[in-house]
């Protein structure tokens, strides 16, 4: 009975079959590698591809000699600016798309994204307090990102606590708790901004909210990349439980599995991912909403297959979105959050009005 229900629930998507899944996975891996190698050659400063790859191979594999490398300015641009930014885009895209996929399963709502449970509002409040009031400056030059991370994580904990009051948390209580706390955080943020009335600091908040990968550095990447990668592997091992979540709590309990504890664990892990992303790149929306939708429409709802495809797709999407944000305005950079919203909104509207739209792409 259990296998039939799960199989029927996952029998959606335009492309089916293991050979297609394996082929698409391999194609996405190749595309990701190609995207990284190609995007690193794009930028406002003209550096030959030969020099770029020479720098990368020397730094990564110690191939070649230091004397054969191009100028020090080219080394700084490639190794300390472009490549860290591309790797960070890979991490952020992967984290956002996976978080969106998991959140949609946890709350059983196709409109859920990584920020639906108040995480973004918590980060916004944390950043507002840091920038407008100077709280947390003792934490160092990255104190705004650290305060945003703390705000996001505290709100996630509060969402769990509120949703467990009087009875165990379910998808509806999690969603309502997140919406309530999100409104509260936004209200406090607006009050702080209104009370301080500092235009220069307000501009800093605005820049931070629009999201950017310009602050990428190797220290940040070394910290967040292993965590996001471990989280992806963890969720891949949880595909059976995630599939059950799409059936609902009543059906899952009937089948002998209480989803309550799993929902709490998944929420904590995704909150950790989003907190790290907010810390490193600010708030970037729509990735966690659109990528899971497209993947489900194409490949169905079986999390055993779509988690890895979803992670690869999110990384590829954000790499090219970042490239576009850097070159679309000559001599300037468009905040990636604005660009993705401009791209994501029409796609989201199309998904809603399309006949094939549904949770998992069912017709």
Protein backbone atom coordinates (compact mmCIF):
# COMPACT_ATOMS: atom_id res chain seq x y z
CA UNK A 1 0.00 0.00 0.00
CA UNK A 2 2.76 2.41 1.00
CA UNK A 3 4.81 1.74 -2.14
CA UNK A 4 1.77 2.18 -4.38
CA UNK A 5 0.87 5.55 -2.83
CA UNK A 6 4.42 6.89 -3.12
CA UNK A 7 4.81 5.58 -6.66
CA UNK A 8 1.52 7.11 -7.75
CA UNK A 9 2.44 10.43 -6.15
CA UNK A 10 5.78 10.45 -7.98
CA UNK A 11 4.40 9.35 -11.35
CA UNK A 12 4.56 12.83 -12.84
CA UNK A 13 6.90 14.82 -15.03
CA UNK A 14 7.54 15.11 -18.73
CA UNK A 15 10.70 12.98 -18.70
CA UNK A 16 10.65 9.56 -17.08
CA UNK A 17 12.94 6.59 -16.84
CA UNK A 18 16.34 5.93 -15.31
CA UNK A 19 18.35 6.32 -18.57
CA UNK A 20 16.95 9.83 -19.08
CA UNK A 21 17.67 10.74 -15.46
CA UNK A 22 21.27 9.50 -15.68
CA UNK A 23 21.79 11.27 -19.00
CA UNK A 24 20.42 14.57 -17.71
CA UNK A 25 22.52 14.32 -14.54
CA UNK A 26 25.71 13.79 -16.53
CA UNK A 27 24.75 16.61 -18.90
CA UNK A 28 24.18 19.00 -15.99
CA UNK A 29 27.54 18.08 -14.43
CA UNK A 30 29.29 18.82 -17.71
CA UNK A 31 27.29 22.05 -18.07
CA UNK A 32 28.27 23.15 -14.56
CA UNK A 33 31.97 22.57 -15.27
CA UNK A 34 31.64 24.37 -18.61
CA UNK A 35 29.82 27.27 -16.91
CA UNK A 36 32.58 27.70 -14.31
CA UNK A 37 35.37 27.53 -16.90
CA UNK A 38 33.60 29.91 -19.28
CA UNK A 39 32.28 32.47 -16.81
CA UNK A 40 35.73 33.00 -15.28
CA UNK A 41 36.86 34.45 -18.63
CA UNK A 42 34.14 37.12 -18.57
CA UNK A 43 34.56 40.47 -16.88
CA UNK A 44 35.22 44.17 -17.33
CA UNK A 45 38.98 43.58 -17.55
CA UNK A 46 40.19 41.85 -20.72
CA UNK A 47 42.39 38.88 -19.78
CA UNK A 48 43.14 36.11 -22.27
CA UNK A 49 41.71 32.65 -21.57
CA UNK A 50 45.23 31.23 -21.74
CA UNK A 51 46.44 33.48 -18.94
CA UNK A 52 43.34 32.77 -16.85
CA UNK A 53 43.67 29.00 -17.02
CA UNK A 54 47.41 29.25 -16.47
CA UNK A 55 46.75 31.09 -13.21
CA UNK A 56 44.09 28.61 -12.10
CA UNK A 57 46.17 25.52 -12.87
CA UNK A 58 49.15 27.00 -11.07
CA UNK A 59 47.13 27.94 -7.98
CA UNK A 60 45.14 24.70 -7.80
CA UNK A 61 47.56 22.05 -9.05
CA UNK A 62 50.94 23.81 -8.89
CA UNK A 63 51.35 23.32 -12.65
CA UNK A 64 53.84 25.70 -14.24
CA UNK A 65 56.17 28.24 -12.66
CA UNK A 66 55.55 31.54 -10.96
CA UNK A 67 57.77 33.31 -13.47
CA UNK A 68 55.57 32.16 -16.36
CA UNK A 69 52.42 33.69 -14.86
CA UNK A 70 50.98 36.96 -16.19
CA UNK A 71 51.04 40.22 -14.22
CA UNK A 72 50.18 40.33 -10.53
CA UNK A 73 47.09 42.41 -11.27
CA UNK A 74 45.76 39.65 -13.54
CA UNK A 75 46.44 37.09 -10.80
CA UNK A 76 44.53 39.20 -8.27
CA UNK A 77 41.56 39.62 -10.61
CA UNK A 78 41.29 35.94 -11.51
CA UNK A 79 42.21 34.28 -8.22
CA UNK A 80 40.84 36.74 -5.66
CA UNK A 81 37.84 38.23 -7.49
CA UNK A 82 36.44 36.20 -10.38
CA UNK A 83 36.96 32.60 -9.31
CA UNK A 84 35.78 33.04 -5.69
CA UNK A 85 32.70 34.84 -6.99
CA UNK A 86 31.87 32.00 -9.38
CA UNK A 87 32.38 29.33 -6.71
CA UNK A 88 30.23 31.33 -4.31
CA UNK A 89 27.52 31.55 -6.99
CA UNK A 90 27.72 27.76 -7.29
CA UNK A 91 27.27 27.37 -3.52
CA UNK A 92 24.48 29.93 -3.22
CA UNK A 93 22.55 28.58 -6.21
CA UNK A 94 22.83 25.05 -4.89
CA UNK A 95 21.79 26.06 -1.38
CA UNK A 96 18.82 28.17 -2.46
CA UNK A 97 17.43 25.60 -4.88
CA UNK A 98 17.77 22.74 -2.38
CA UNK A 99 16.24 24.82 0.41
CA UNK A 100 13.30 25.72 -1.81
CA UNK A 101 12.74 22.08 -2.77
CA UNK A 102 12.80 20.97 0.87
CA UNK A 103 10.59 23.84 2.08
CA UNK A 104 7.97 23.02 -0.52
CA UNK A 105 7.90 19.44 0.71
CA UNK A 106 7.92 20.41 4.41
CA UNK A 107 4.95 22.77 4.17
CA UNK A 108 3.41 20.93 1.20
CA UNK A 109 2.96 24.19 -0.62
CA UNK A 110 4.18 24.85 -4.18
CA UNK A 111 4.49 28.58 -3.37
CA UNK A 112 7.02 27.99 -0.62
CA UNK A 113 10.59 29.14 -1.02
CA UNK A 114 13.55 29.39 1.37
CA UNK A 115 12.23 32.66 2.79
CA UNK A 116 8.57 31.72 3.22
CA UNK A 117 8.97 30.87 6.92
CA UNK A 118 10.27 34.28 7.89
CA UNK A 119 13.95 33.54 7.40
CA UNK A 120 14.53 36.50 5.07
CA UNK A 121 12.66 38.87 7.38
CA UNK A 122 14.75 37.67 10.31
CA UNK A 123 17.89 38.31 8.28
CA UNK A 124 16.56 41.72 7.27
CA UNK A 125 15.91 42.65 10.88
CA UNK A 126 19.36 41.47 11.93
CA UNK A 127 21.01 43.52 9.18
CA UNK A 128 18.87 46.55 9.99
CA UNK A 129 19.86 46.45 13.65
CA UNK A 130 23.53 46.07 12.69
CA UNK A 131 23.59 48.87 10.10
CA UNK A 132 21.21 51.41 11.61
CA UNK A 133 22.11 50.93 15.29
CA UNK A 134 25.69 49.70 15.00
CA UNK A 135 24.95 46.58 17.05
CA UNK A 136 27.51 43.80 16.58
CA UNK A 137 30.35 45.96 15.28
CA UNK A 138 32.68 44.13 17.67
CA UNK A 139 32.23 41.02 15.49
CA UNK A 140 34.53 42.41 12.84
CA UNK A 141 34.20 43.78 9.29
CA UNK A 142 31.55 41.19 8.37
CA UNK A 143 29.35 42.00 11.35
CA UNK A 144 26.33 42.90 9.19
CA UNK A 145 26.30 39.47 7.57
CA UNK A 146 26.86 37.78 10.93
CA UNK A 147 23.95 39.68 12.51
CA UNK A 148 21.77 38.77 9.53
CA UNK A 149 22.70 35.13 9.97
CA UNK A 150 21.84 35.29 13.69
CA UNK A 151 18.50 36.97 12.92
CA UNK A 152 17.59 34.35 10.33
CA UNK A 153 18.45 31.47 12.63
CA UNK A 154 16.61 32.92 15.66
CA UNK A 155 13.44 33.39 13.61
CA UNK A 156 13.68 29.79 12.41
CA UNK A 157 13.88 28.58 16.01
CA UNK A 158 10.90 30.78 16.97
CA UNK A 159 8.89 29.40 14.06
CA UNK A 160 9.48 25.89 15.36
CA UNK A 161 8.58 26.85 18.92
CA UNK A 162 5.38 28.63 17.88
CA UNK A 163 4.26 25.84 15.57
CA UNK A 164 4.61 23.31 18.39
CA UNK A 165 2.45 25.21 20.89
CA UNK A 166 -0.59 23.17 22.08
CA UNK A 167 0.02 20.44 19.49
CA UNK A 168 2.69 19.07 17.18
CA UNK A 169 3.77 21.19 14.26
CA UNK A 170 2.31 20.51 10.85
CA UNK A 171 2.71 22.18 7.48
CA UNK A 172 -0.13 24.65 8.09
CA UNK A 173 1.11 25.76 11.51
CA UNK A 174 4.65 26.18 10.20
CA UNK A 175 3.42 28.34 7.33
CA UNK A 176 1.22 30.53 9.53
CA UNK A 177 3.92 30.92 12.20
CA UNK A 178 6.42 31.94 9.54
CA UNK A 179 4.05 34.51 8.05
CA UNK A 180 3.29 36.01 11.46
CA UNK A 181 6.93 36.32 12.48
CA UNK A 182 7.85 37.63 9.05
CA UNK A 183 5.34 40.48 9.43
CA UNK A 184 6.62 41.22 12.93
CA UNK A 185 10.25 41.38 11.79
CA UNK A 186 9.35 43.65 8.87
CA UNK A 187 7.45 45.96 11.23
CA UNK A 188 10.39 46.25 13.63
CA UNK A 189 12.79 46.83 10.72
CA UNK A 190 10.59 49.62 9.37
CA UNK A 191 10.33 51.18 12.83
CA UNK A 192 14.12 51.20 13.29
CA UNK A 193 14.63 52.76 9.85
CA UNK A 194 11.95 55.39 10.52
CA UNK A 195 13.33 56.16 13.98
CA UNK A 196 16.98 56.60 12.96
CA UNK A 197 16.29 58.33 9.62
CA UNK A 198 19.86 58.04 8.36
CA UNK A 199 19.91 58.20 4.55
CA UNK A 200 23.46 56.92 4.19
CA UNK A 201 22.80 53.88 6.33
CA UNK A 202 19.46 53.33 4.61
CA UNK A 203 21.35 53.13 1.30
CA UNK A 204 23.62 50.48 2.84
CA UNK A 205 20.60 48.40 3.84
CA UNK A 206 19.09 48.75 0.39
CA UNK A 207 22.30 47.58 -1.28
CA UNK A 208 22.51 44.61 1.07
CA UNK A 209 18.87 43.58 0.54
CA UNK A 210 19.30 43.55 -3.26
CA UNK A 211 21.91 40.81 -2.93
CA UNK A 212 25.40 40.61 -4.36
CA UNK A 213 28.23 38.13 -4.80
CA UNK A 214 30.85 40.88 -4.98
CA UNK A 215 32.09 40.18 -1.46
CA UNK A 216 33.14 36.61 -2.26
CA UNK A 217 36.43 35.43 -0.80
CA UNK A 218 38.12 32.10 -0.23
CA UNK A 219 37.69 32.19 3.56
CA UNK A 220 33.90 32.43 3.21
CA UNK A 221 33.81 29.71 0.56
CA UNK A 222 35.90 27.33 2.66
CA UNK A 223 33.37 27.80 5.44
CA UNK A 224 30.04 27.49 3.63
CA UNK A 225 30.84 25.13 0.73
CA UNK A 226 31.39 21.97 2.88
CA UNK A 227 28.25 22.70 4.91
CA UNK A 228 26.03 23.11 1.84
CA UNK A 229 27.54 20.02 0.22
CA UNK A 230 26.95 17.94 3.36
CA UNK A 231 23.36 19.25 3.53
CA UNK A 232 22.73 18.18 -0.08
CA UNK A 233 24.07 14.69 0.63
CA UNK A 234 21.94 14.53 3.79
CA UNK A 235 18.75 15.40 1.94
CA UNK A 236 19.54 12.87 -0.79
CA UNK A 237 19.49 10.19 1.93
CA UNK A 238 16.10 11.50 3.12
CA UNK A 239 14.23 11.05 -0.15
CA UNK A 240 11.75 8.50 1.22
CA UNK A 241 10.63 10.79 4.03
CA UNK A 242 10.41 13.78 1.69
CA UNK A 243 8.23 11.75 -0.68
CA UNK A 244 5.96 10.87 2.23
CA UNK A 245 5.61 14.55 3.14
CA UNK A 246 3.93 15.18 -0.21
CA UNK A 247 1.24 12.68 0.81
CA UNK A 248 0.40 14.59 4.01
CA UNK A 249 0.57 13.91 7.73
CA UNK A 250 -2.58 11.83 7.94
CA UNK A 251 -1.48 9.42 5.23
CA UNK A 252 2.05 9.21 6.64
CA UNK A 253 0.82 8.38 10.14
CA UNK A 254 -1.44 5.73 8.65
CA UNK A 255 1.61 4.27 6.94
CA UNK A 256 3.42 4.18 10.29
CA UNK A 257 5.70 7.22 10.10
CA UNK A 258 5.31 10.42 12.12
CA UNK A 259 6.79 13.30 10.15
CA UNK A 260 6.95 15.73 13.08
CA UNK A 261 10.59 15.23 14.08
CA UNK A 262 11.74 15.09 10.45
CA UNK A 263 10.01 18.37 9.70
CA UNK A 264 11.86 20.04 12.59
CA UNK A 265 15.23 18.66 11.49
CA UNK A 266 14.73 19.70 7.86
CA UNK A 267 13.69 23.19 8.92
CA UNK A 268 16.81 23.58 11.06
CA UNK A 269 19.11 22.38 8.27
CA UNK A 270 17.54 24.63 5.63
CA UNK A 271 17.63 27.57 8.04
CA UNK A 272 21.34 26.98 8.54
CA UNK A 273 21.84 26.97 4.77
CA UNK A 274 19.83 30.17 4.27
CA UNK A 275 21.59 31.86 7.17
CA UNK A 276 24.97 31.11 5.57
CA UNK A 277 23.76 32.33 2.18
CA UNK A 278 22.38 35.54 3.68
CA UNK A 279 25.68 36.03 5.49
CA UNK A 280 27.73 35.65 2.30
CA UNK A 281 25.56 37.28 -0.37
CA UNK A 282 22.60 39.11 1.14
CA UNK A 283 19.03 38.28 0.16
CA UNK A 284 18.54 36.67 -3.26
CA UNK A 285 15.00 35.60 -4.02
CA UNK A 286 13.12 33.46 -6.56
CA UNK A 287 15.88 30.86 -7.10
CA UNK A 288 14.44 28.54 -4.46
CA UNK A 289 10.96 28.99 -5.91
CA UNK A 290 11.52 28.67 -9.66
CA UNK A 291 14.23 26.01 -9.97
CA UNK A 292 12.35 23.33 -7.94
CA UNK A 293 9.18 24.05 -9.96
CA UNK A 294 10.88 23.59 -13.30
CA UNK A 295 12.67 20.44 -12.13
CA UNK A 296 9.42 18.92 -10.84
CA UNK A 297 7.57 19.74 -14.06
CA UNK A 298 10.27 18.03 -16.10
CA UNK A 299 11.21 15.09 -13.89
CA UNK A 300 8.35 14.54 -11.45
CA UNK A 301 8.31 14.64 -7.66
CA UNK A 302 10.49 11.68 -6.69
CA UNK A 303 13.09 13.29 -4.44
CA UNK A 304 15.45 10.39 -5.02
CA UNK A 305 15.95 11.70 -8.55
CA UNK A 306 15.32 15.42 -8.39
CA UNK A 307 17.41 16.55 -5.40
CA UNK A 308 20.75 16.29 -7.20
CA UNK A 309 19.33 17.60 -10.49
CA UNK A 310 17.81 20.49 -8.57
CA UNK A 311 21.14 21.34 -6.89
CA UNK A 312 23.04 21.32 -10.20
CA UNK A 313 20.37 23.40 -11.94
CA UNK A 314 20.40 26.04 -9.20
CA UNK A 315 24.17 26.38 -9.39
CA UNK A 316 24.19 26.73 -13.19
CA UNK A 317 21.35 29.27 -13.10
CA UNK A 318 23.01 31.52 -10.53
CA UNK A 319 26.42 31.41 -12.23
CA UNK A 320 24.96 32.77 -15.47
CA UNK A 321 22.69 35.20 -13.65
CA UNK A 322 25.78 36.63 -11.95
CA UNK A 323 27.62 36.84 -15.28
CA UNK A 324 24.68 38.70 -16.78
CA UNK A 325 24.50 41.07 -13.82
CA UNK A 326 28.15 41.98 -14.38
CA UNK A 327 27.98 42.60 -18.14
CA UNK A 328 24.43 43.83 -18.80
CA UNK A 329 25.38 47.43 -17.88
CA UNK A 330 28.81 48.38 -19.26
CA UNK A 331 31.11 49.72 -16.56
CA UNK A 332 28.66 48.92 -13.78
CA UNK A 333 27.06 46.01 -11.97
CA UNK A 334 23.35 45.34 -11.60
CA UNK A 335 22.52 43.81 -8.20
CA UNK A 336 21.85 40.13 -8.80
CA UNK A 337 18.71 40.19 -6.64
CA UNK A 338 17.10 42.72 -8.99
CA UNK A 339 18.10 40.77 -12.09
CA UNK A 340 16.79 37.45 -10.77
CA UNK A 341 13.49 39.08 -9.76
CA UNK A 342 13.15 40.48 -13.27
CA UNK A 343 13.79 37.02 -14.72
CA UNK A 344 11.92 35.05 -12.07
CA UNK A 345 8.64 36.94 -11.97
CA UNK A 346 7.62 36.26 -15.62
CA UNK A 347 8.66 32.61 -15.25
CA UNK A 348 6.64 32.27 -12.06
CA UNK A 349 3.57 33.87 -13.67
CA UNK A 350 3.90 31.48 -16.61
CA UNK A 351 4.08 28.50 -14.26
CA UNK A 352 0.89 29.62 -12.52
CA UNK A 353 -1.15 30.12 -15.68
CA UNK A 354 0.27 27.13 -17.55
CA UNK A 355 -1.99 24.11 -17.82
CA UNK A 356 0.88 21.91 -16.74
CA UNK A 357 1.32 23.88 -13.51
CA UNK A 358 0.83 22.02 -10.27
CA UNK A 359 2.67 20.68 -7.27
CA UNK A 360 5.13 18.50 -9.06
CA UNK A 361 3.99 19.49 -12.49
CA UNK A 362 0.88 17.42 -12.55
CA UNK A 363 -1.69 18.29 -15.16
